[in-house]
Amino acid sequence: MSCAEAGLVLVAFDRATLPWHAGQVLRAGESHGGLILFRRTVRSTNYGDQARLVTDFWFGEGRGWDWTNRIVYLPKSP
């Protein structure tokens, strides 16, 4: 909810609890600022790959979106 207020999108690896928590926020009538989650194929220690995925996605399509209550997984499915 704090990210939504600040206009920020959260980027993380936590596929187990963050989507669930985002759902809880929505059910409570609140909004979240959006989530970008890395799929299992992205290594948590490969910062270069993470940066490329987010940068390519952001400049390719993501920056023009309304991120309120949106969840995206990277890399995107073909």
C-alpha atoms as a PDB file:
ATOM      1  CA  MET A   1       0.000   0.000   0.000  1.00  0.00           C
ATOM      2  CA  SER A   2       2.928   2.325   0.710  1.00  0.00           C
ATOM      3  CA  CYS A   3       4.296   1.678  -2.790  1.00  0.00           C
ATOM      4  CA  ALA A   4       0.923   2.615  -4.290  1.00  0.00           C
ATOM      5  CA  GLU A   5       0.912   5.887  -2.367  1.00  0.00           C
ATOM      6  CA  ALA A   6       4.457   6.663  -3.552  1.00  0.00           C
ATOM      7  CA  GLY A   7       3.853   5.534  -7.150  1.00  0.00           C
ATOM      8  CA  LEU A   8       6.386   2.690  -6.843  1.00  0.00           C
ATOM      9  CA  VAL A   9       6.395  -0.839  -8.257  1.00  0.00           C
ATOM     10  CA  LEU A  10       7.903  -3.571  -6.067  1.00  0.00           C
ATOM     11  CA  VAL A  11      10.405  -5.907  -7.774  1.00  0.00           C
ATOM     12  CA  ALA A  12      11.083  -9.177  -5.928  1.00  0.00           C
ATOM     13  CA  PHE A  13      11.633 -12.931  -5.956  1.00  0.00           C
ATOM     14  CA  ASP A  14       8.985 -13.832  -3.379  1.00  0.00           C
ATOM     15  CA  ARG A  15       6.467 -15.673  -5.573  1.00  0.00           C
ATOM     16  CA  ALA A  16       5.111 -17.558  -2.563  1.00  0.00           C
ATOM     17  CA  THR A  17       3.761 -14.792  -0.345  1.00  0.00           C
ATOM     18  CA  LEU A  18       3.698 -11.496  -2.265  1.00  0.00           C
ATOM     19  CA  PRO A  19       0.904 -12.456  -4.713  1.00  0.00           C
ATOM     20  CA  TRP A  20      -1.119 -13.810  -1.798  1.00  0.00           C
ATOM     21  CA  HIS A  21      -0.510 -10.639   0.207  1.00  0.00           C
ATOM     22  CA  ALA A  22      -1.464  -8.482  -2.808  1.00  0.00           C
ATOM     23  CA  GLY A  23      -4.734 -10.416  -3.004  1.00  0.00           C
ATOM     24  CA  GLN A  24      -5.375  -9.788   0.676  1.00  0.00           C
ATOM     25  CA  VAL A  25      -4.770  -6.068   0.150  1.00  0.00           C
ATOM     26  CA  LEU A  26      -7.323  -6.033  -2.684  1.00  0.00           C
ATOM     27  CA  ARG A  27      -9.877  -7.989  -0.643  1.00  0.00           C
ATOM     28  CA  ALA A  28      -9.489  -5.396   2.115  1.00  0.00           C
ATOM     29  CA  GLY A  29     -10.492  -2.700  -0.366  1.00  0.00           C
ATOM     30  CA  GLU A  30      -7.015  -1.193  -0.683  1.00  0.00           C
ATOM     31  CA  SER A  31      -4.599  -0.993  -3.634  1.00  0.00           C
ATOM     32  CA  HIS A  32      -0.983  -1.968  -4.123  1.00  0.00           C
ATOM     33  CA  GLY A  33       1.521  -0.261  -6.399  1.00  0.00           C
ATOM     34  CA  GLY A  34       2.155  -3.293  -8.577  1.00  0.00           C
ATOM     35  CA  LEU A  35       4.555  -6.226  -8.492  1.00  0.00           C
ATOM     36  CA  ILE A  36       7.252  -7.468 -10.819  1.00  0.00           C
ATOM     37  CA  LEU A  37       8.268 -10.970  -9.760  1.00  0.00           C
ATOM     38  CA  PHE A  38      11.116 -13.043 -11.153  1.00  0.00           C
ATOM     39  CA  ARG A  39      10.351 -16.586 -12.235  1.00  0.00           C
ATOM     40  CA  ARG A  40      12.305 -19.537 -10.879  1.00  0.00           C
ATOM     41  CA  THR A  41      14.578 -19.527 -13.963  1.00  0.00           C
ATOM     42  CA  VAL A  42      16.148 -16.234 -12.814  1.00  0.00           C
ATOM     43  CA  ARG A  43      18.919 -16.798 -10.297  1.00  0.00           C
ATOM     44  CA  SER A  44      18.854 -14.578  -7.229  1.00  0.00           C
ATOM     45  CA  THR A  45      22.609 -13.980  -7.569  1.00  0.00           C
ATOM     46  CA  ASN A  46      22.536 -13.035 -11.267  1.00  0.00           C
ATOM     47  CA  TYR A  47      22.087  -9.296 -10.882  1.00  0.00           C
ATOM     48  CA  GLY A  48      22.989  -8.587 -14.499  1.00  0.00           C
ATOM     49  CA  ASP A  49      20.208 -10.845 -15.795  1.00  0.00           C
ATOM     50  CA  GLN A  50      17.742  -9.313 -13.350  1.00  0.00           C
ATOM     51  CA  ALA A  51      18.678  -5.781 -14.413  1.00  0.00           C
ATOM     52  CA  ARG A  52      18.412  -6.673 -18.130  1.00  0.00           C
ATOM     53  CA  LEU A  53      15.021  -8.311 -17.680  1.00  0.00           C
ATOM     54  CA  VAL A  54      13.551  -5.364 -15.785  1.00  0.00           C
ATOM     55  CA  THR A  55      15.130  -2.726 -18.038  1.00  0.00           C
ATOM     56  CA  ASP A  56      14.102  -4.434 -21.291  1.00  0.00           C
ATOM     57  CA  PHE A  57      10.578  -4.991 -20.008  1.00  0.00           C
ATOM     58  CA  TRP A  58      10.226  -1.481 -18.611  1.00  0.00           C
ATOM     59  CA  PHE A  59      11.424   0.334 -21.733  1.00  0.00           C
ATOM     60  CA  GLY A  60       9.681  -2.129 -24.044  1.00  0.00           C
ATOM     61  CA  GLU A  61       6.190  -1.904 -22.581  1.00  0.00           C
ATOM     62  CA  GLY A  62       5.913  -1.643 -18.789  1.00  0.00           C
ATOM     63  CA  ARG A  63       6.541   2.049 -18.245  1.00  0.00           C
ATOM     64  CA  GLY A  64       3.350   3.036 -20.057  1.00  0.00           C
ATOM     65  CA  TRP A  65       1.095   0.848 -17.923  1.00  0.00           C
ATOM     66  CA  ASP A  66      -1.072   1.745 -14.974  1.00  0.00           C
ATOM     67  CA  TRP A  67       0.635  -0.421 -12.355  1.00  0.00           C
ATOM     68  CA  THR A  68      -2.032  -0.187  -9.685  1.00  0.00           C
ATOM     69  CA  ASN A  69      -2.899  -3.749  -8.605  1.00  0.00           C
ATOM     70  CA  ARG A  70      -0.938  -5.354 -11.479  1.00  0.00           C
ATOM     71  CA  ILE A  71       1.389  -8.373 -11.176  1.00  0.00           C
ATOM     72  CA  VAL A  72       3.906  -9.342 -13.873  1.00  0.00           C
ATOM     73  CA  TYR A  73       6.305 -12.278 -13.905  1.00  0.00           C
ATOM     74  CA  LEU A  74       9.677 -12.017 -15.666  1.00  0.00           C
ATOM     75  CA  PRO A  75      10.745 -13.361 -17.988  1.00  0.00           C
ATOM     76  CA  LYS A  76       7.319 -13.151 -19.577  1.00  0.00           C
ATOM     77  CA  SER A  77       5.784 -16.294 -21.014  1.00  0.00           C
ATOM     78  CA  PRO A  78       6.185 -16.656 -24.790  1.00  0.00           C
END
